[in-house]
Protein backbone atom coordinates (compact mmCIF):
# COMPACT_ATOMS: atom_id res chain seq x y z
CA MET A 1 -6.67 41.26 -0.20
CA LEU A 2 -10.12 40.08 -1.20
CA LEU A 3 -9.24 36.64 -2.86
CA GLU A 4 -7.76 35.74 0.46
CA GLY A 5 -10.91 36.73 2.23
CA LEU A 6 -13.04 34.88 -0.04
CA GLU A 7 -10.46 31.77 0.71
CA THR A 8 -11.12 31.74 4.35
CA LEU A 9 -14.34 32.24 4.53
CA TYR A 10 -14.88 28.99 1.92
CA LEU A 11 -13.03 27.03 4.30
CA LEU A 12 -14.62 28.26 7.38
CA ALA A 13 -18.19 26.90 5.96
CA ARG A 14 -16.71 23.67 6.07
CA GLU A 15 -14.52 23.78 8.88
CA LYS A 16 -16.70 26.10 11.54
CA THR A 17 -14.16 27.24 13.60
CA MET A 18 -11.03 29.78 13.58
CA GLY A 19 -8.79 27.13 15.16
CA LYS A 20 -9.29 24.45 12.26
CA VAL A 21 -9.52 27.31 9.08
CA ALA A 22 -5.74 28.84 10.67
CA SER A 23 -4.31 25.16 10.54
CA ARG A 24 -5.50 24.67 7.37
CA LEU A 25 -4.16 28.11 5.79
CA TYR A 26 -1.10 27.91 8.32
CA ILE A 27 -1.99 31.22 9.85
CA THR A 28 -2.94 32.51 13.07
CA GLN A 29 -6.43 32.46 14.47
CA SER A 30 -6.57 36.33 14.97
CA ALA A 31 -5.33 36.60 10.96
CA VAL A 32 -8.35 34.49 9.57
CA SER A 33 -10.56 36.54 12.61
CA LYS A 34 -9.04 39.66 10.24
CA ARG A 35 -9.38 38.59 6.91
CA ILE A 36 -13.08 37.99 7.81
CA SER A 37 -13.67 41.43 9.28
CA ASN A 38 -12.14 42.82 6.24
CA LEU A 39 -14.20 41.10 4.05
CA GLU A 40 -17.27 41.85 5.59
CA ALA A 41 -16.33 45.71 5.67
CA ARG A 42 -15.63 45.52 2.24
CA LEU A 43 -18.81 43.72 1.33
CA GLY A 44 -20.94 45.90 3.72
CA LYS A 45 -22.54 42.62 5.11
CA LYS A 46 -22.66 40.27 8.01
CA LEU A 47 -20.94 36.97 6.52
CA VAL A 48 -20.05 35.28 9.88
CA GLU A 49 -22.42 34.68 13.61
CA PRO A 50 -21.82 32.19 16.39
CA ASP A 51 -23.11 29.15 16.79
CA GLY A 52 -22.19 27.39 20.44
CA ARG A 53 -18.82 26.67 20.10
CA HIS A 54 -18.78 27.10 16.66
CA LEU A 55 -19.38 29.74 14.22
CA ARG A 56 -22.29 29.69 11.10
CA LEU A 57 -22.43 31.26 7.65
CA THR A 58 -24.99 34.12 7.39
CA PRO A 59 -27.78 33.60 4.52
CA GLU A 60 -25.53 36.41 2.82
CA ALA A 61 -22.33 34.72 3.16
CA ILE A 62 -23.95 31.26 2.15
CA ALA A 63 -25.56 33.25 -1.02
CA LEU A 64 -22.53 34.73 -1.79
CA LEU A 65 -20.50 31.23 -1.85
CA THR A 66 -22.89 29.57 -3.76
CA ARG A 67 -22.22 31.71 -6.71
CA ILE A 68 -18.47 32.16 -6.48
CA GLY A 69 -17.56 28.79 -4.68
CA PRO A 70 -17.19 26.40 -7.59
CA ASN A 71 -14.84 28.64 -9.45
CA LEU A 72 -12.47 30.01 -6.58
CA ASN A 73 -10.29 26.78 -6.49
CA GLU A 74 -10.13 27.06 -10.16
CA LEU A 75 -9.07 30.84 -9.96
CA LYS A 76 -6.81 30.14 -6.89
CA GLY A 77 -5.04 27.72 -9.16
CA ILE A 78 -4.43 30.08 -12.24
CA LEU A 79 -2.85 32.42 -9.89
CA PHE A 80 -0.90 29.80 -8.65
CA ASP A 81 0.45 28.94 -12.09
CA SER A 82 1.77 32.54 -12.98
CA GLN A 83 3.45 32.90 -9.68
CA GLN A 84 7.75 32.56 -9.81
CA LEU A 85 9.19 29.68 -8.31
CA THR A 86 12.45 29.38 -7.23
CA ASP A 87 14.95 26.90 -5.15
CA ASP A 88 13.85 28.47 -2.26
CA SER A 89 10.23 28.37 -2.49
CA ARG A 90 7.99 26.00 -0.11
CA LEU A 91 6.84 23.06 -2.06
CA HIS A 92 3.70 21.64 -0.57
CA ILE A 93 3.20 17.81 -0.89
CA ALA A 94 -0.39 16.79 -0.09
CA CYS A 95 -0.46 12.56 0.58
CA SER A 96 -2.05 9.71 1.51
CA GLU A 97 -1.12 8.84 4.91
CA THR A 98 -0.90 5.37 4.39
CA ILE A 99 1.10 6.18 1.11
CA LEU A 100 3.65 8.23 3.11
CA ALA A 101 3.98 5.84 6.26
CA GLY A 102 4.34 2.85 4.00
CA TYR A 103 6.46 4.20 0.97
CA LEU A 104 8.04 7.35 1.10
CA GLY A 105 10.21 8.02 4.79
CA PRO A 106 13.56 6.78 3.05
CA PHE A 107 12.83 8.16 -0.15
CA LEU A 108 12.23 11.46 1.46
CA ARG A 109 15.18 11.37 3.72
CA ASP A 110 17.37 11.03 0.93
CA TYR A 111 15.37 13.71 -1.69
CA MET A 112 15.36 16.44 0.76
CA GLN A 113 18.89 16.69 0.88
CA ARG A 114 18.72 18.05 -2.36
CA ASP A 115 15.21 19.83 -1.82
CA GLN A 116 14.96 21.09 1.70
CA HIS A 117 11.84 23.12 0.99
CA LEU A 118 9.43 20.73 0.82
CA ASP A 119 6.36 20.68 3.32
CA LEU A 120 4.33 17.57 3.53
CA ALA A 121 0.52 17.08 4.94
CA THR A 122 -1.57 13.88 4.99
CA HIS A 123 -5.61 14.17 3.97
CA HIS A 124 -7.94 11.74 2.19
CA THR A 125 -8.09 11.92 -1.68
CA PRO A 126 -10.83 14.23 -1.86
CA VAL A 127 -9.24 16.68 -0.20
CA ILE A 128 -6.17 16.10 -1.59
CA LEU A 129 -7.83 16.41 -5.18
CA GLU A 130 -8.80 20.21 -4.01
CA GLN A 131 -5.86 21.20 -2.57
CA ILE A 132 -3.89 20.30 -5.92
CA ARG A 133 -6.83 22.47 -7.86
CA ALA A 134 -6.62 25.32 -5.69
CA GLY A 135 -2.98 25.65 -5.85
CA ASP A 136 -2.32 25.23 -2.52
CA ALA A 137 -0.34 22.05 -3.23
CA VAL A 138 2.19 21.29 -5.79
CA LEU A 139 1.67 17.65 -6.16
CA GLY A 140 -0.90 15.12 -4.26
CA ILE A 141 0.06 11.51 -3.90
CA CYS A 142 -3.77 9.92 -3.67
CA ALA A 143 -4.80 5.92 -2.53
CA GLY A 144 -7.99 5.02 -3.95
CA GLU A 145 -10.11 5.60 -7.00
CA ILE A 146 -9.76 9.13 -8.38
CA ILE A 147 -13.18 10.63 -8.93
CA GLY A 148 -13.69 14.87 -10.08
CA ALA A 149 -10.49 15.33 -11.91
CA GLN A 150 -11.35 17.34 -14.36
CA GLY A 151 -8.35 20.01 -15.35
CA LEU A 152 -5.64 17.71 -13.35
CA GLU A 153 -3.35 15.12 -14.86
CA ILE A 154 -3.18 11.24 -13.17
CA GLN A 155 -0.97 9.24 -12.96
CA THR A 156 -1.42 5.73 -11.63
CA LEU A 157 2.49 4.96 -10.11
CA LEU A 158 1.13 1.40 -9.03
CA GLU A 159 -1.28 -1.11 -8.08
CA GLU A 160 -1.02 -2.21 -4.73
CA PRO A 161 -2.66 -5.17 -3.66
CA PHE A 162 -4.63 -6.47 -0.73
CA CYS A 163 -3.94 -9.26 1.58
CA LEU A 164 -6.70 -10.38 3.91
CA ILE A 165 -5.50 -10.17 7.66
CA TYR A 166 -6.59 -13.37 10.16
CA PRO A 167 -5.12 -15.40 12.17
CA SER A 168 -5.90 -18.51 9.82
CA ARG A 169 -6.71 -18.86 6.48
CA PRO A 170 -10.33 -17.36 5.59
CA GLU A 171 -12.89 -19.82 4.48
CA PHE A 172 -12.75 -18.46 0.42
CA GLY A 173 -15.64 -19.80 -1.77
CA ARG A 174 -18.57 -19.01 0.39
CA PRO A 175 -20.08 -15.42 1.60
CA LEU A 176 -17.62 -13.90 4.23
CA ARG A 177 -17.73 -11.25 6.49
CA VAL A 178 -14.69 -8.81 6.49
CA ILE A 179 -13.51 -5.59 8.00
CA THR A 180 -12.68 -2.80 5.76
CA ILE A 181 -12.02 0.81 5.35
CA ASP A 182 -14.53 3.50 5.38
CA LEU A 183 -16.26 2.52 2.13
CA GLY A 184 -17.98 6.05 1.80
CA ASN A 185 -15.02 7.73 1.25
CA PRO A 186 -15.20 8.13 -2.59
CA ALA A 187 -11.86 7.01 -3.47
CA ASN A 188 -12.97 3.80 -1.78
CA ARG A 189 -16.36 3.34 -2.89
CA TYR A 190 -14.67 1.08 -6.00
CA LEU A 191 -13.93 -1.38 -3.62
CA ASP A 192 -17.72 -2.60 -2.80
CA ALA A 193 -18.15 -4.02 -6.22
CA ARG A 194 -15.03 -5.85 -6.16
CA LEU A 195 -15.48 -7.04 -2.45
CA SER A 196 -18.68 -8.38 -3.84
CA GLN A 197 -17.03 -9.81 -6.86
CA ALA A 198 -15.37 -12.18 -4.48
CA GLN A 199 -18.14 -12.90 -1.91
CA LEU A 200 -16.95 -10.71 0.86
CA SER A 201 -19.24 -8.56 2.66
CA PRO A 202 -18.35 -5.30 4.51
CA TRP A 203 -19.31 -5.86 7.92
CA MET A 204 -17.20 -3.25 9.82
CA GLN A 205 -16.15 -0.12 8.36
CA MET A 206 -12.82 1.58 9.98
CA ASP A 207 -11.63 5.09 9.14
CA SER A 208 -8.03 3.42 8.76
CA TYR A 209 -6.66 0.38 7.77
CA PHE A 210 -3.92 0.19 10.84
CA ALA A 211 -7.73 -0.38 12.95
CA ALA A 212 -8.78 -2.75 10.08
CA ALA A 213 -5.71 -4.76 10.58
CA GLU A 214 -5.43 -5.05 13.85
CA LEU A 215 -8.94 -6.29 14.56
CA GLY A 216 -8.14 -8.91 11.80
CA ARG A 217 -4.79 -9.77 13.87
CA ALA A 218 -7.01 -10.03 16.80
CA GLY A 219 -9.56 -12.37 15.24
CA LEU A 220 -12.60 -10.81 15.15
CA ALA A 221 -13.00 -11.24 11.44
CA PRO A 222 -10.68 -11.25 8.03
CA ALA A 223 -9.25 -7.62 7.63
CA THR A 224 -9.06 -6.11 3.88
CA VAL A 225 -5.33 -4.41 4.06
CA PRO A 226 -3.27 -3.19 1.24
CA LEU A 227 -0.17 -5.07 1.22
CA GLY A 228 2.09 -2.08 2.29
CA VAL A 229 0.23 -1.31 5.53
CA ALA A 230 0.47 -4.77 6.48
CA ARG A 231 4.29 -4.62 5.94
CA LEU A 232 4.62 -1.57 7.69
CA MET A 233 2.86 -2.87 10.53
CA GLY A 234 5.37 -5.96 10.56
CA ILE A 235 2.32 -8.54 10.72
CA ALA A 236 3.42 -12.07 10.27
CA ALA A 237 3.19 -13.77 6.89
CA ALA A 238 0.82 -16.07 8.51
CA PHE A 239 -1.70 -13.57 9.10
CA CYS A 240 -1.60 -12.75 6.08
CA HIS A 241 -3.43 -14.32 2.99
CA LEU A 242 -4.08 -13.52 -0.43
CA PRO A 243 -7.57 -13.19 -1.81
CA PRO A 244 -9.51 -15.46 -4.22
CA ALA A 245 -8.02 -15.27 -7.44
CA GLY A 246 -9.53 -12.46 -10.23
CA SER A 247 -10.92 -10.81 -7.21
CA ARG A 248 -8.80 -7.79 -8.85
CA LEU A 249 -8.97 -6.71 -4.70
CA THR A 250 -6.08 -3.72 -5.50
CA ARG A 251 -5.18 0.04 -4.24
CA PRO A 252 -4.33 2.30 -7.31
CA VAL A 253 -1.83 4.48 -5.79
CA SER A 254 -1.14 7.78 -8.02
CA LEU A 255 0.19 11.23 -8.43
CA CYS A 256 -1.74 14.39 -8.90
CA PHE A 257 -0.83 17.54 -10.12
CA ARG A 258 -2.04 20.74 -12.27
CA PRO A 259 -0.95 20.62 -16.33
CA SER A 260 1.60 23.35 -15.83
CA ALA A 261 3.44 21.02 -13.26
CA ARG A 262 5.57 19.40 -15.59
CA LYS A 263 6.89 22.65 -16.97
CA ARG A 264 8.43 23.97 -13.93
CA GLU A 265 11.68 22.18 -13.39
CA ARG A 266 11.50 21.69 -9.65
CA ILE A 267 8.54 20.35 -9.85
CA ALA A 268 9.21 18.23 -12.86
CA ARG A 269 12.42 17.03 -11.35
CA LEU A 270 10.35 15.72 -8.25
CA ILE A 271 7.69 13.88 -10.11
CA SER A 272 10.53 12.22 -12.34
CA ALA A 273 12.28 11.20 -8.81
CA LEU A 274 8.53 9.67 -7.49
CA GLU A 275 8.02 8.00 -10.84
CA HIS A 276 11.19 6.34 -10.30
CA HIS A 277 10.72 5.33 -7.28
CA PHE A 278 7.41 3.75 -7.48
CA GLY A 279 8.45 2.16 -10.33
CA THR A 280 11.28 0.18 -8.35
CA LEU A 281 8.47 -0.70 -5.62
CA LYS A 282 6.44 -3.22 -8.22
CA PRO A 283 8.58 -5.87 -8.50
CA THR A 284 8.49 -5.65 -4.54
CA PHE A 285 4.94 -7.05 -4.66
CA ASP A 286 5.51 -10.30 -5.38
CA THR A 287 3.16 -12.27 -3.01
CA GLY A 288 4.63 -15.56 -3.12
CA TRP A 289 5.00 -15.28 0.79
CA LEU A 290 1.25 -14.94 1.45
CA SER A 291 -0.50 -18.04 1.92
């Protein structure tokens, strides 16, 4: 199918290897190779060529994706909206890793006793949005600020507070160097201004909150970590400290889906269950146990 070939070429441009593309598409590497070969035969052009252990696109392939790339995900999404959805259809859910680990384990255990056909994968927020737009996932549960969600519905489920992890209470009221999550991620950039407002200066930026928390607990520097991550890691209250009052150090947790999702009974039922679940979590963000 032409669309399958274009989708595979689009992913290959990003992932660089057949193996990574196969993992993204849940198919074999030989199937990836066949899709590319069929597309090359259809177009009469060479589209990929070796580049060490990776592959690179030919100038013809780059020109093709430049023309159709912006519309490819939307076209896939429209096709997804038109597909029949049965009780046995697999529902793919894309989720932030820390939200999945921190808040969704027991919920999914119980929910999947009623609906066993759910698949979950963890991604950063920009990838989650891309998968929802393309219809590769029916729901996204995102952490951080949502940017570039035109045409999608975004619903904020909660604002998760941050705490600072350190063996002793940090000396606020003066500039303070802290360990943070990677602020280069578009979903985390909003934190830069809020940290500055609180006189907290990013010193080291980690790929994961878990790494930041461990360095903060070791006393290297205070680490800004969402409350749910601190609880998940079992960090003692004596190591968790409230940021300065009025600093607005929170992390939005949002549900993302295509506008047609609420019109499909199974997806709408899951959305409703998630809304209720996160609604019950809001009262648990009592920070009175923090110093």
